[in-house]
Amino acid sequence: MTSKLESELAFLSIQQAARLLRRREVSPLELVNVALARIERLNPSINAFLTVLAGRARKKARAAELEFIRTRRGSAAKLASPLFGIPVSLKDNLWTRGIRTTAGSKILGNFIPNEDSDVAARLASAGAILLGKTNMHEFAYGISNQNPHYGAVHNPWALDRISGGSSGGSAAATATGMCFASVGTDTGGSIRIPAALCGIVGLKPTYGLVSVAGVIPLARSLDHAGPLARNVVDACIMLQAIAGKYPKAATPPDFRKLKRDHSQRFRLGWPREYFFERVDPEVQSAIKSAAKVFVSKGARFEDVSLPHLGDSLEPSTNIALSEATRYHQSQGFYPARASEYGADVSSRLKLGTQVRAVDYLRAFEVKRQMESDFEAAFKRVDAILAPAVPIAAPRIGEDETKIAGENESVRSALVRLNRPANLTGHPAISIPCGFTRGGLPIGFQLIGPRWAEASLLAIAHTYEDATEWHTRHPEFAAQQ
């Protein structure tokens, strides 16, 4: 197979690949072999995968091919989901039966679950083929994906830069065509941060929509699971496969209807407070350009006030610290095996022992105030537009960054704009919207009402359909 043909197959959308599979113009085994070839060639430099299931994936692909052969051409689409025969990956904190699940840690380095997480089971039921488990920040407790046990995940747009975390392996694998999509987790931005830094789409659904049963937790009150994909439609397809039930009054998303929904005139909120404070000028410019695209498509902007968001950092930190530490204590990991953690995670678990009960409970009071802010805004607008992160990908090992002349820790900068939606549980999606002068991706996020993923995805698709940022792929991958 020529490198050009391999690249063309690797960067097909899920919809395109599904169509070719049903026409039998390509086989599941061909798609799997393309992905595995790219993993073999690119993963040594990117370090996106911790476990690769080559033999298992090929076996599943041959079984899928037999299903296509047995099924008459006219009825194949009725029997198979859009993910049937599509190679995907999973972040390594999602349980997979009989497959090592490390959570990026030394402590669980040899842990093999005896059952699947709900997400893994749903994807298998949809016919997706699991290629492997992706690298992550240790126990999902960080945003850089600089893992002391398995090595850093490198950003495919610049190998000296971080991928973002904690779902960095999933983002880098998807961006480079090593898989068609992935599922990550998001407790303080861990889907949206790496999606933005790697130039792909990342969706954190409404809290509770996607089951986290069988996910090694970080902080149960804030944990979400959701898709990372190269475009909005693929993210929707993945969400439909892994989502649970919607409330009766809500409209579940349908990837076939996203384009039809473009006729709506969306009302978008431009936040007065918080989201545009300390944002790099290149990121600011890209977000303003994205707003102009929305206006050209008929959207109307209104200023919205979210006065309590400035109070969110300490409460969300206290919830994450205390709940993470309690989980590790309950498993007998901490402090008994403190020496087996990386320094950053160990220090946060120690801090978790110092959170007072009154501060933990007060955090939920702030959460309710923030929920009221968002709900008031959503009476006037369909979604809120904001930067996904205030900076492009920092260099690996860089702990501090300067934004508009002010110094800030990299960790604080990257989580600052993401944590509010984790604390309130509102859905949020990160979309590529440009590049810096240095060629690093920039992303914006849309935050919407609870259970409004259908509208949020339609709005995101409106922008994506009018631009070409999502069609760009890392040169690193193209040159290999």
Protein backbone atom coordinates (compact mmCIF):
# COMPACT_ATOMS: atom_id res chain seq x y z
CA MET A 1 0.00 0.00 0.00
CA THR A 2 1.41 3.40 -0.98
CA SER A 3 1.88 6.02 1.72
CA LYS A 4 -0.59 8.28 -0.12
CA LEU A 5 -3.30 5.62 -0.14
CA GLU A 6 -2.58 4.79 3.49
CA SER A 7 -2.94 8.45 4.46
CA GLU A 8 -6.18 8.77 2.49
CA LEU A 9 -7.68 5.78 4.30
CA ALA A 10 -6.34 6.80 7.72
CA PHE A 11 -7.93 10.25 7.53
CA LEU A 12 -11.33 9.21 6.25
CA SER A 13 -14.19 10.35 8.42
CA ILE A 14 -16.16 7.64 10.18
CA GLN A 15 -19.06 8.36 7.83
CA GLN A 16 -16.85 7.98 4.75
CA ALA A 17 -15.25 4.80 6.03
CA ALA A 18 -18.63 3.32 6.95
CA ARG A 19 -19.93 4.05 3.46
CA LEU A 20 -16.94 2.34 1.83
CA LEU A 21 -17.34 -0.66 4.15
CA ARG A 22 -20.98 -1.10 3.20
CA ARG A 23 -20.14 -0.88 -0.49
CA ARG A 24 -17.34 -3.37 0.15
CA GLU A 25 -14.87 -0.99 -1.47
CA VAL A 26 -12.69 -1.37 1.59
CA SER A 27 -12.62 -4.05 4.29
CA PRO A 28 -12.46 -3.73 8.08
CA LEU A 29 -9.11 -5.53 7.95
CA GLU A 30 -7.71 -2.93 5.58
CA LEU A 31 -8.74 -0.13 7.93
CA VAL A 32 -7.24 -1.95 10.91
CA ASN A 33 -4.00 -2.67 9.05
CA VAL A 34 -3.68 0.98 8.02
CA ALA A 35 -4.14 2.10 11.63
CA LEU A 36 -1.70 -0.51 12.94
CA ALA A 37 0.89 0.44 10.33
CA ARG A 38 0.66 4.05 11.46
CA ILE A 39 0.89 3.05 15.10
CA GLU A 40 4.03 1.04 14.36
CA ARG A 41 5.63 3.94 12.53
CA LEU A 42 4.41 7.00 14.46
CA ASN A 43 3.92 5.81 18.02
CA PRO A 44 7.64 5.62 18.87
CA SER A 45 7.79 9.40 18.36
CA ILE A 46 4.30 10.38 19.61
CA ASN A 47 3.94 7.82 22.45
CA ALA A 48 0.15 7.86 22.19
CA PHE A 49 -0.48 4.15 22.85
CA LEU A 50 0.42 2.14 25.95
CA THR A 51 -1.12 -1.14 24.76
CA VAL A 52 -1.64 -2.15 21.13
CA LEU A 53 -4.00 -5.06 20.40
CA ALA A 54 -2.82 -5.95 16.90
CA GLY A 55 -3.78 -9.64 16.89
CA ARG A 56 -7.12 -9.05 18.61
CA ALA A 57 -8.00 -6.15 16.31
CA ARG A 58 -7.23 -8.17 13.17
CA LYS A 59 -9.33 -11.05 14.47
CA LYS A 60 -12.27 -8.72 15.12
CA ALA A 61 -11.81 -7.17 11.68
CA ARG A 62 -11.98 -10.56 9.95
CA ALA A 63 -15.14 -11.38 11.89
CA ALA A 64 -16.65 -8.04 10.84
CA GLU A 65 -15.76 -8.73 7.21
CA LEU A 66 -17.61 -12.05 7.41
CA GLU A 67 -20.68 -10.17 8.64
CA PHE A 68 -20.54 -7.87 5.62
CA ILE A 69 -20.14 -10.86 3.30
CA ARG A 70 -23.06 -12.68 4.87
CA THR A 71 -25.29 -9.65 4.70
CA ARG A 72 -26.80 -8.70 1.38
CA ARG A 73 -25.66 -5.33 0.12
CA GLY A 74 -29.12 -3.79 0.31
CA SER A 75 -29.67 -4.58 3.99
CA ALA A 76 -26.15 -4.10 5.37
CA ALA A 77 -26.82 -0.54 6.50
CA LYS A 78 -29.84 -1.69 8.49
CA LEU A 79 -27.87 -4.30 10.41
CA ALA A 80 -24.70 -2.40 11.20
CA SER A 81 -24.12 0.82 13.10
CA PRO A 82 -21.91 3.55 11.60
CA LEU A 83 -19.13 2.25 13.87
CA PHE A 84 -19.33 -1.35 12.66
CA GLY A 85 -15.81 -2.28 11.53
CA ILE A 86 -14.30 1.10 12.52
CA PRO A 87 -10.97 1.06 14.45
CA VAL A 88 -11.01 3.15 17.65
CA SER A 89 -8.99 3.51 20.85
CA LEU A 90 -9.78 4.03 24.53
CA LYS A 91 -8.04 6.03 27.22
CA ASP A 92 -6.30 3.65 29.58
CA ASN A 93 -8.47 4.44 32.60
CA LEU A 94 -11.52 2.74 31.04
CA TRP A 95 -11.79 -0.89 32.06
CA THR A 96 -11.45 -3.43 29.26
CA ARG A 97 -12.10 -7.08 30.03
CA GLY A 98 -8.95 -9.16 29.77
CA ILE A 99 -6.87 -6.17 28.64
CA ARG A 100 -4.35 -4.31 30.77
CA THR A 101 -5.74 -1.05 32.16
CA THR A 102 -3.01 1.00 33.85
CA ALA A 103 -4.61 4.45 34.32
CA GLY A 104 -1.14 5.65 33.36
CA SER A 105 0.17 4.49 36.72
CA LYS A 106 2.85 2.18 38.08
CA ILE A 107 0.45 0.97 40.76
CA LEU A 108 -1.98 -0.49 38.18
CA GLY A 109 0.74 -1.47 35.73
CA ASN A 110 -0.43 -5.09 35.66
CA PHE A 111 -4.14 -4.59 36.34
CA ILE A 112 -6.36 -6.66 34.03
CA PRO A 113 -10.10 -6.06 34.62
CA ASN A 114 -12.52 -8.98 34.52
CA GLU A 115 -15.24 -6.89 32.91
CA ASP A 116 -15.69 -4.00 30.50
CA SER A 117 -16.53 -0.44 31.41
CA ASP A 118 -19.95 0.61 30.16
CA VAL A 119 -18.26 2.70 27.44
CA ALA A 120 -16.15 -0.22 26.20
CA ALA A 121 -19.19 -2.50 26.19
CA ARG A 122 -21.29 0.00 24.24
CA LEU A 123 -18.60 0.52 21.62
CA ALA A 124 -18.18 -3.24 21.22
CA SER A 125 -21.94 -3.61 20.85
CA ALA A 126 -21.85 -0.96 18.10
CA GLY A 127 -19.26 -3.02 16.24
CA ALA A 128 -16.26 -0.73 16.77
CA ILE A 129 -12.88 -2.48 16.74
CA LEU A 130 -10.57 -1.67 19.65
CA LEU A 131 -6.99 -1.04 18.50
CA GLY A 132 -5.53 -0.38 21.94
CA LYS A 133 -5.35 1.73 25.07
CA THR A 134 -3.92 5.23 25.04
CA ASN A 135 -1.37 7.00 27.21
CA MET A 136 -2.61 9.50 29.78
CA HIS A 137 -1.52 11.65 32.69
CA GLU A 138 -1.08 9.39 35.72
CA PHE A 139 -4.48 8.57 37.23
CA ALA A 140 -5.91 11.37 35.01
CA TYR A 141 -4.60 13.86 37.56
CA GLY A 142 -2.88 16.40 35.33
CA ILE A 143 -3.08 18.33 32.07
CA SER A 144 0.36 17.90 30.46
CA ASN A 145 0.49 14.15 29.80
CA GLN A 146 4.07 14.13 31.02
CA ASN A 147 3.90 10.67 32.50
CA PRO A 148 6.84 9.62 34.75
CA HIS A 149 6.16 5.91 34.22
CA TYR A 150 5.36 5.66 30.49
CA GLY A 151 6.82 8.85 29.06
CA ALA A 152 5.24 12.03 27.73
CA VAL A 153 2.78 12.14 24.86
CA HIS A 154 4.21 14.45 22.19
CA ASN A 155 2.06 16.92 20.29
CA PRO A 156 1.98 15.79 16.64
CA TRP A 157 2.12 19.41 15.43
CA ALA A 158 5.41 20.00 17.27
CA LEU A 159 7.12 17.12 19.02
CA ASP A 160 8.68 19.36 21.66
CA ARG A 161 5.20 20.46 22.82
CA ILE A 162 2.72 18.78 25.15
CA SER A 163 -0.36 17.06 23.79
CA GLY A 164 -2.45 18.28 26.70
CA GLY A 165 -4.07 15.95 29.14
CA SER A 166 -5.13 13.95 30.74
CA SER A 167 -6.55 12.34 27.56
CA GLY A 168 -3.48 13.31 25.54
CA GLY A 169 -2.83 9.90 24.05
CA SER A 170 -6.37 9.70 22.70
CA ALA A 171 -6.10 13.16 21.12
CA ALA A 172 -2.68 12.56 19.55
CA ALA A 173 -3.69 9.13 18.21
CA THR A 174 -6.83 10.55 16.61
CA ALA A 175 -5.05 13.60 15.18
CA THR A 176 -2.40 11.45 13.48
CA GLY A 177 -4.72 8.85 11.96
CA MET A 178 -3.61 6.07 14.30
CA CYS A 179 -7.30 5.55 15.02
CA PHE A 180 -10.56 7.00 13.71
CA ALA A 181 -11.73 8.27 17.10
CA SER A 182 -11.27 7.68 20.79
CA VAL A 183 -12.99 8.07 24.16
CA GLY A 184 -11.40 10.03 26.98
CA THR A 185 -12.41 11.40 30.36
CA ASP A 186 -12.80 15.00 31.49
CA THR A 187 -12.71 16.15 35.12
CA GLY A 188 -11.26 19.62 34.63
CA GLY A 189 -10.87 19.84 30.87
CA SER A 190 -9.12 16.56 30.11
CA ILE A 191 -10.99 16.01 26.82
CA ARG A 192 -11.20 19.61 25.66
CA ILE A 193 -7.62 20.63 26.52
CA PRO A 194 -5.87 17.96 24.41
CA ALA A 195 -8.47 18.32 21.65
CA ALA A 196 -7.70 22.03 21.39
CA LEU A 197 -3.92 21.57 21.59
CA CYS A 198 -3.91 18.76 19.00
CA GLY A 199 -6.38 20.37 16.57
CA ILE A 200 -9.34 17.98 16.83
CA VAL A 201 -12.88 17.91 18.28
CA GLY A 202 -13.47 16.96 21.91
CA LEU A 203 -16.88 16.72 23.58
CA LYS A 204 -17.59 16.67 27.31
CA PRO A 205 -21.26 15.66 27.53
CA THR A 206 -23.79 16.57 30.19
CA TYR A 207 -22.81 15.10 33.55
CA GLY A 208 -24.22 11.58 33.81
CA LEU A 209 -25.14 11.18 30.13
CA VAL A 210 -22.23 8.83 29.47
CA SER A 211 -21.79 6.25 32.20
CA VAL A 212 -18.48 6.27 34.05
CA ALA A 213 -19.08 2.78 35.47
CA GLY A 214 -15.82 0.94 34.98
CA VAL A 215 -13.80 4.15 34.70
CA ILE A 216 -10.98 4.49 37.24
CA PRO A 217 -12.16 7.72 38.88
CA LEU A 218 -10.44 10.98 39.58
CA ALA A 219 -13.27 12.90 41.29
CA ARG A 220 -16.69 11.33 40.98
CA SER A 221 -18.60 14.61 41.29
CA LEU A 222 -16.73 16.05 38.31
CA ASP A 223 -15.86 13.02 36.12
CA HIS A 224 -17.25 12.82 32.58
CA ALA A 225 -16.48 10.51 29.65
CA GLY A 226 -16.80 11.59 26.05
CA PRO A 227 -15.50 11.34 22.47
CA LEU A 228 -12.46 12.75 20.72
CA ALA A 229 -12.76 12.81 16.93
CA ARG A 230 -11.50 14.62 13.85
CA ASN A 231 -14.82 16.28 13.06
CA VAL A 232 -18.16 17.10 14.63
CA VAL A 233 -20.17 14.39 12.85
CA ASP A 234 -17.73 11.72 14.02
CA ALA A 235 -17.98 13.04 17.57
CA CYS A 236 -21.76 12.79 17.30
CA ILE A 237 -21.55 9.21 16.01
CA MET A 238 -19.32 8.26 18.93
CA LEU A 239 -21.58 10.01 21.44
CA GLN A 240 -24.66 8.21 20.11
CA ALA A 241 -22.90 4.89 20.66
CA ILE A 242 -21.80 5.53 24.25
CA ALA A 243 -24.57 7.76 25.62
CA GLY A 244 -27.23 6.60 28.03
CA LYS A 245 -30.85 7.73 28.04
CA TYR A 246 -31.92 11.33 27.70
CA PRO A 247 -34.76 12.84 29.75
CA LYS A 248 -38.12 12.67 27.98
CA ALA A 249 -38.15 16.39 27.23
CA ALA A 250 -34.69 16.36 25.61
CA THR A 251 -33.86 15.66 21.96
CA PRO A 252 -31.01 13.15 21.55
CA PRO A 253 -28.43 14.02 18.88
CA ASP A 254 -28.58 12.32 15.49
CA PHE A 255 -25.56 12.61 13.19
CA ARG A 256 -27.84 12.39 10.14
CA LYS A 257 -29.68 15.57 11.14
CA LEU A 258 -26.77 17.89 11.94
CA LYS A 259 -26.59 19.43 8.49
CA ARG A 260 -30.36 19.86 8.33
CA ASP A 261 -30.21 21.87 11.57
CA HIS A 262 -28.01 24.50 9.91
CA SER A 263 -31.13 26.45 8.93
CA GLN A 264 -31.64 27.48 12.55
CA ARG A 265 -30.61 30.99 13.59
CA PHE A 266 -28.53 30.34 16.65
CA ARG A 267 -28.29 32.74 19.56
CA LEU A 268 -24.76 32.72 20.95
CA GLY A 269 -23.57 34.23 24.20
CA TRP A 270 -20.41 36.31 24.48
CA PRO A 271 -19.33 36.17 28.16
CA ARG A 272 -18.59 39.50 29.81
CA GLU A 273 -16.58 37.98 32.64
CA TYR A 274 -13.89 35.38 33.15
CA PHE A 275 -13.44 33.58 29.81
CA PHE A 276 -11.55 36.35 28.00
CA GLU A 277 -9.37 37.38 30.94
CA ARG A 278 -5.68 36.53 30.41
CA VAL A 279 -5.97 35.05 26.93
CA ASP A 280 -3.10 35.09 24.42
CA PRO A 281 -3.70 37.68 21.66
CA GLU A 282 -3.44 35.05 18.89
CA VAL A 283 -6.11 32.97 20.61
CA GLN A 284 -8.29 36.07 21.12
CA SER A 285 -7.98 36.90 17.41
CA ALA A 286 -8.93 33.36 16.35
CA ILE A 287 -12.03 33.35 18.58
CA LYS A 288 -13.15 36.72 17.22
CA SER A 289 -12.70 35.39 13.67
CA ALA A 290 -14.80 32.35 14.60
CA ALA A 291 -17.53 34.67 15.88
CA LYS A 292 -17.55 36.44 12.51
CA VAL A 293 -18.04 33.10 10.77
CA PHE A 294 -21.05 32.40 12.98
CA VAL A 295 -22.50 35.83 12.20
CA SER A 296 -22.06 35.15 8.47
CA LYS A 297 -24.14 31.98 8.95
CA GLY A 298 -26.98 33.88 10.61
CA ALA A 299 -26.06 33.61 14.28
CA ARG A 300 -26.87 36.45 16.67
CA PHE A 301 -24.57 37.32 19.59
CA GLU A 302 -25.63 38.66 22.97
CA ASP A 303 -23.47 39.62 25.94
CA VAL A 304 -24.09 37.30 28.90
CA SER A 305 -23.08 37.70 32.51
CA LEU A 306 -21.63 34.84 34.56
CA PRO A 307 -20.63 36.68 37.75
CA HIS A 308 -19.75 33.69 39.95
CA LEU A 309 -17.31 31.99 37.57
CA GLY A 310 -14.42 33.88 39.11
CA ASP A 311 -15.15 32.01 42.34
CA SER A 312 -14.92 28.57 40.70
CA LEU A 313 -11.21 27.69 40.87
CA GLU A 314 -10.84 27.04 44.60
CA PRO A 315 -14.14 25.13 45.02
CA SER A 316 -13.51 22.84 42.05
CA THR A 317 -9.95 22.29 43.27
CA ASN A 318 -11.21 21.33 46.73
CA ILE A 319 -13.69 18.83 45.30
CA ALA A 320 -11.06 17.27 43.05
CA LEU A 321 -8.42 17.12 45.78
CA SER A 322 -10.64 15.58 48.44
CA GLU A 323 -12.47 13.11 46.20
CA ALA A 324 -9.28 11.94 44.49
CA THR A 325 -7.49 11.39 47.77
CA ARG A 326 -10.45 9.54 49.25
CA TYR A 327 -10.59 7.18 46.26
CA HIS A 328 -6.88 6.37 46.53
CA GLN A 329 -7.22 5.84 50.26
CA SER A 330 -10.20 3.54 49.74
CA GLN A 331 -8.19 1.38 47.35
CA GLY A 332 -5.25 1.11 49.74
CA PHE A 333 -2.99 2.95 47.29
CA TYR A 334 -2.36 6.06 49.35
CA PRO A 335 -0.41 6.64 51.51
CA ALA A 336 0.77 3.02 51.64
CA ARG A 337 2.27 3.17 48.14
CA ALA A 338 3.05 6.88 48.00
CA SER A 339 6.54 6.24 46.62
CA GLU A 340 5.05 4.64 43.49
CA TYR A 341 3.28 7.82 42.35
CA GLY A 342 4.81 10.56 40.25
CA ALA A 343 5.76 13.65 42.24
CA ASP A 344 2.93 15.85 40.91
CA VAL A 345 0.17 13.33 41.64
CA SER A 346 1.60 12.42 45.03
CA SER A 347 1.71 16.09 46.06
CA ARG A 348 -1.95 16.59 45.07
CA LEU A 349 -3.05 13.53 47.01
CA LYS A 350 -1.25 14.91 50.05
CA LEU A 351 -3.03 18.24 49.58
CA GLY A 352 -6.31 16.32 49.44
CA THR A 353 -5.83 15.21 53.04
CA GLN A 354 -5.80 18.88 54.08
CA VAL A 355 -9.14 19.96 52.58
CA ARG A 356 -11.56 20.81 55.40
CA ALA A 357 -15.08 19.41 55.30
CA VAL A 358 -16.51 22.93 55.47
CA ASP A 359 -14.57 23.94 52.34
CA TYR A 360 -15.66 20.79 50.51
CA LEU A 361 -19.31 21.51 51.32
CA ARG A 362 -18.97 25.19 50.47
CA ALA A 363 -17.75 24.19 47.03
CA PHE A 364 -21.19 22.78 46.26
CA GLU A 365 -22.77 26.08 47.28
CA VAL A 366 -20.60 27.85 44.70
CA LYS A 367 -21.54 25.14 42.22
CA ARG A 368 -25.23 25.99 42.68
CA GLN A 369 -24.53 29.70 42.21
CA MET A 370 -22.68 28.98 38.98
CA GLU A 371 -25.47 26.73 37.78
CA SER A 372 -27.87 29.63 38.29
CA ASP A 373 -25.58 31.91 36.26
CA PHE A 374 -25.51 29.48 33.35
CA GLU A 375 -29.22 28.72 33.48
CA ALA A 376 -30.06 32.43 33.41
CA ALA A 377 -27.82 32.86 30.38
CA PHE A 378 -29.37 29.88 28.60
CA LYS A 379 -32.80 31.48 28.81
CA ARG A 380 -31.46 34.01 26.30
CA VAL A 381 -28.89 32.07 24.25
CA ASP A 382 -28.44 28.57 22.84
CA ALA A 383 -24.74 28.31 23.69
CA ILE A 384 -21.82 30.33 25.03
CA LEU A 385 -18.70 30.86 22.91
CA ALA A 386 -15.34 30.96 24.69
CA PRO A 387 -11.70 29.94 24.19
CA ALA A 388 -11.07 26.27 24.92
CA VAL A 389 -7.66 27.16 26.36
CA PRO A 390 -5.99 30.58 26.59
CA ILE A 391 -2.68 29.51 25.04
CA ALA A 392 -1.32 27.15 22.40
CA ALA A 393 0.56 24.01 23.44
CA PRO A 394 3.47 24.79 25.81
CA ARG A 395 6.81 23.00 25.53
CA ILE A 396 7.27 19.72 27.34
CA GLY A 397 8.74 20.44 30.76
CA GLU A 398 7.57 24.05 30.78
CA ASP A 399 5.87 24.80 34.10
CA GLU A 400 5.13 28.49 33.63
CA THR A 401 3.81 30.59 30.78
CA LYS A 402 3.36 34.31 30.12
CA ILE A 403 -0.03 35.53 28.91
CA ALA A 404 -0.45 39.17 27.99
CA GLY A 405 2.58 40.03 30.11
CA GLU A 406 1.46 38.08 33.20
CA ASN A 407 3.11 34.90 34.46
CA GLU A 408 0.86 31.92 35.20
CA SER A 409 1.46 28.24 35.79
CA VAL A 410 0.78 26.08 32.74
CA ARG A 411 -1.59 23.94 34.77
CA SER A 412 -3.64 26.92 35.93
CA ALA A 413 -3.78 28.40 32.45
CA LEU A 414 -5.03 25.21 30.81
CA VAL A 415 -7.68 24.23 33.36
CA ARG A 416 -8.94 27.74 34.12
CA LEU A 417 -11.45 27.98 31.25
CA ASN A 418 -12.57 24.35 31.41
CA ARG A 419 -13.36 23.71 35.05
CA PRO A 420 -16.61 25.73 35.19
CA ALA A 421 -18.44 23.28 32.89
CA ASN A 422 -17.16 20.34 34.93
CA LEU A 423 -18.37 21.89 38.16
CA THR A 424 -21.84 22.64 36.76
CA GLY A 425 -22.11 19.56 34.54
CA HIS A 426 -23.06 21.47 31.38
CA PRO A 427 -21.98 19.99 28.01
CA ALA A 428 -19.04 21.64 26.27
CA ILE A 429 -17.32 20.97 22.96
CA SER A 430 -13.91 22.09 21.71
CA ILE A 431 -13.57 22.86 17.97
CA PRO A 432 -10.43 23.74 15.95
CA CYS A 433 -10.56 27.36 14.77
CA GLY A 434 -7.09 28.28 13.58
CA PHE A 435 -3.35 28.13 14.12
CA THR A 436 -0.74 30.35 15.69
CA ARG A 437 2.00 31.91 13.59
CA GLY A 438 4.16 29.03 14.81
CA GLY A 439 1.74 26.46 13.41
CA LEU A 440 0.12 25.28 16.65
CA PRO A 441 -3.64 24.58 16.78
CA ILE A 442 -6.14 26.92 18.45
CA GLY A 443 -9.60 25.84 19.59
CA PHE A 444 -12.76 27.44 20.89
CA GLN A 445 -15.39 25.83 23.07
CA LEU A 446 -19.15 26.01 23.04
CA ILE A 447 -20.95 25.46 26.35
CA GLY A 448 -24.65 24.61 26.21
CA PRO A 449 -27.64 23.79 28.43
CA ARG A 450 -27.85 20.38 30.06
CA TRP A 451 -29.01 17.61 27.72
CA ALA A 452 -28.67 19.95 24.71
CA GLU A 453 -25.93 18.02 22.90
CA ALA A 454 -28.07 17.92 19.72
CA SER A 455 -28.16 21.72 19.54
CA LEU A 456 -24.54 22.09 20.62
CA LEU A 457 -23.32 19.69 17.93
CA ALA A 458 -25.47 21.40 15.29
CA ILE A 459 -23.99 24.78 16.21
CA ALA A 460 -20.47 23.35 16.10
CA HIS A 461 -21.19 21.74 12.75
CA THR A 462 -22.42 25.05 11.37
CA TYR A 463 -19.00 26.53 12.03
CA GLU A 464 -17.08 23.46 10.88
CA ASP A 465 -19.04 23.27 7.63
CA ALA A 466 -18.05 26.86 6.84
CA THR A 467 -14.32 26.41 7.56
CA GLU A 468 -11.49 24.02 6.76
CA TRP A 469 -9.49 23.93 9.99
CA HIS A 470 -10.66 20.40 10.79
CA THR A 471 -9.34 19.11 7.43
CA ARG A 472 -5.71 19.91 8.29
CA HIS A 473 -3.52 17.10 9.57
CA PRO A 474 -0.12 17.28 11.27
CA GLU A 475 2.76 17.46 8.81
CA PHE A 476 4.65 15.07 11.02
CA ALA A 477 2.11 12.36 10.21
CA ALA A 478 2.01 13.20 6.50
CA GLN A 479 5.79 12.94 6.17
CA GLN A 480 6.10 9.53 7.74
